[in-house]
Protein backbone atom coordinates (compact mmCIF):
# COMPACT_ATOMS: atom_id res chain seq x y z
CA MET A 1 -164.01 -162.80 116.04
CA ALA A 2 -166.34 -159.74 114.92
CA LEU A 3 -165.67 -158.72 111.75
CA PRO A 4 -165.59 -154.86 111.02
CA ASP A 5 -168.48 -153.73 108.68
CA GLN A 6 -166.10 -152.38 105.87
CA ALA A 7 -164.81 -155.96 106.04
CA ARG A 8 -168.85 -157.92 105.34
CA PHE A 9 -169.75 -158.91 102.20
CA HIS A 10 -173.50 -156.84 101.58
CA PRO A 11 -175.83 -157.96 99.76
CA GLU A 12 -175.32 -155.65 96.89
CA PHE A 13 -171.66 -156.39 96.87
CA LEU A 14 -171.92 -160.16 96.65
CA GLU A 15 -174.40 -159.30 93.64
CA ALA A 16 -171.75 -157.64 91.98
CA ILE A 17 -168.62 -160.20 92.97
CA HIS A 18 -171.32 -162.82 91.29
CA ILE A 19 -172.21 -160.90 88.09
CA ASN A 20 -168.72 -160.42 87.60
CA TYR A 21 -167.74 -163.78 87.83
CA VAL A 22 -170.50 -165.43 85.55
CA GLY A 23 -170.33 -162.26 83.12
CA GLU A 24 -173.52 -160.61 82.58
CA ALA A 25 -176.84 -161.09 85.24
CA THR A 26 -178.48 -163.39 82.65
CA GLU A 27 -175.98 -166.17 83.40
CA LEU A 28 -176.84 -165.87 88.13
CA SER A 29 -179.06 -168.87 86.97
CA SER A 30 -177.34 -171.35 85.33
CA SER A 31 -176.84 -174.84 86.82
CA TYR A 32 -173.72 -174.37 86.27
CA ALA A 33 -172.46 -170.73 87.59
CA PHE A 34 -172.08 -171.79 91.49
CA PRO A 35 -170.96 -175.39 92.97
CA GLY A 36 -173.35 -177.23 94.20
CA THR A 37 -176.01 -176.38 91.18
CA HIS A 38 -175.90 -179.69 89.79
CA ASP A 39 -174.85 -183.11 90.46
CA LEU A 40 -171.38 -183.74 92.51
CA GLN A 41 -170.94 -186.87 92.07
CA GLY A 42 -167.46 -187.78 90.42
CA MET A 43 -165.80 -184.86 91.57
CA PRO A 44 -161.75 -184.45 92.60
CA PRO A 45 -160.78 -184.83 96.37
CA THR A 46 -161.55 -181.27 97.51
CA PHE A 47 -159.89 -178.85 99.74
CA ILE A 48 -162.05 -175.96 101.43
CA LEU A 49 -160.50 -173.25 103.73
CA ASN A 50 -162.65 -171.41 105.25
CA SER A 51 -162.08 -167.98 107.30
CA ASP A 52 -163.65 -168.29 110.84
CA ALA A 53 -164.54 -164.41 110.51
CA ASP A 54 -166.49 -163.93 106.75
CA ASP A 55 -169.56 -164.21 105.90
CA LEU A 56 -169.06 -165.93 102.81
CA ARG A 57 -167.67 -169.29 104.85
CA SER A 58 -171.79 -170.06 105.13
CA SER A 59 -170.67 -170.77 101.69
CA GLY A 60 -168.08 -172.88 101.91
CA GLU A 61 -169.68 -174.89 103.98
CA GLN A 62 -172.33 -175.87 102.24
CA PHE A 63 -170.50 -176.55 99.08
CA ALA A 64 -167.98 -178.80 101.49
CA SER A 65 -172.32 -180.54 102.71
CA GLU A 66 -173.13 -180.70 99.60
CA LEU A 67 -170.00 -182.80 98.40
CA ALA A 68 -169.65 -185.00 101.35
CA SER A 69 -173.47 -186.27 99.73
CA ALA A 70 -171.83 -186.75 97.04
CA GLY A 71 -169.05 -188.88 98.41
CA VAL A 72 -166.46 -186.95 97.42
CA ASP A 73 -163.41 -186.87 99.36
CA LEU A 74 -163.51 -183.61 101.00
CA LEU A 75 -161.12 -181.56 103.89
CA MET A 76 -162.56 -178.47 105.30
CA ILE A 77 -160.43 -176.61 106.91
CA ARG A 78 -161.80 -173.40 109.18
CA GLU A 79 -158.78 -171.23 110.12
CA ASN A 80 -159.87 -169.54 113.48
CA GLY A 81 -159.26 -166.28 113.95
CA THR A 82 -159.28 -165.03 110.57
CA ARG A 83 -161.10 -162.94 108.60
CA HIS A 84 -161.94 -163.38 104.31
CA GLY A 85 -158.70 -162.48 102.59
CA HIS A 86 -156.10 -163.42 105.25
CA LEU A 87 -153.94 -165.66 102.64
CA ASN A 88 -153.01 -161.80 101.92
CA GLU A 89 -151.58 -161.19 104.68
CA PRO A 90 -148.21 -163.00 104.36
CA GLU A 91 -147.39 -161.23 107.78
CA ASN A 92 -150.06 -162.85 109.29
CA PRO A 93 -148.67 -165.98 111.18
CA SER A 94 -152.88 -167.67 109.98
CA ALA A 95 -151.69 -167.05 106.80
CA LEU A 96 -149.16 -168.99 106.80
CA ARG A 97 -150.55 -171.49 109.02
CA SER A 98 -153.15 -171.76 106.48
CA LEU A 99 -150.45 -172.27 103.60
CA GLN A 100 -148.92 -175.03 105.54
CA ARG A 101 -152.45 -176.90 105.54
CA VAL A 102 -152.45 -176.65 101.80
CA LYS A 103 -149.42 -177.87 100.87
CA ALA A 104 -149.60 -180.76 103.07
CA TRP A 105 -152.91 -181.45 101.58
CA LEU A 106 -151.63 -180.99 98.84
CA THR A 107 -148.95 -183.74 99.02
CA SER A 108 -150.01 -185.61 101.21
CA ASP A 109 -150.50 -189.41 99.87
CA LEU A 110 -154.20 -189.31 100.40
CA LEU A 111 -154.44 -187.70 96.98
CA VAL A 112 -153.86 -190.65 95.20
CA GLY A 113 -156.96 -190.03 93.40
CA VAL A 114 -158.39 -193.49 93.08
CA PRO A 115 -162.38 -193.39 92.58
CA HIS A 116 -164.49 -194.58 95.46
CA GLU A 117 -166.19 -197.92 94.24
CA THR A 118 -169.67 -197.52 93.93
CA SER A 119 -172.33 -200.12 94.67
C-alpha cells in the first residue's frame, strides 16, 4: 500500500510530536520518555497493533522486539492495507477488524496476568 505524502511523518513533524508528548525538548533524552529505552522486564502482557503503511510502524516493531527480548507476553499485529489513524475511520472495514482483534485480545482467557517464573 503506497503512503501518500500527506500521510507521512516527516522528521520535523515527528520532532514536534515528541516535544508535545514529553512537554519540553530537554525531556527528550529522558530514559522514560519513550518505550524501550529502559528495562522492560515485568511489563504486563502487551498488544501492539501496527498499520501496514505507517512511517511509525518500525518503532512499534522495535518496541515489540524489545518486549519479547525482556520475556513479556506479547501479541503484535500488522493490519494489512491500513495506514496510521485507520481506527478513526469507522466506515473502514479494516478499522472494525482491528477493533475486533483488540476486543478478542482484551477478553481472552490467556490474559490472566500470571507472571512467568524466572530462573
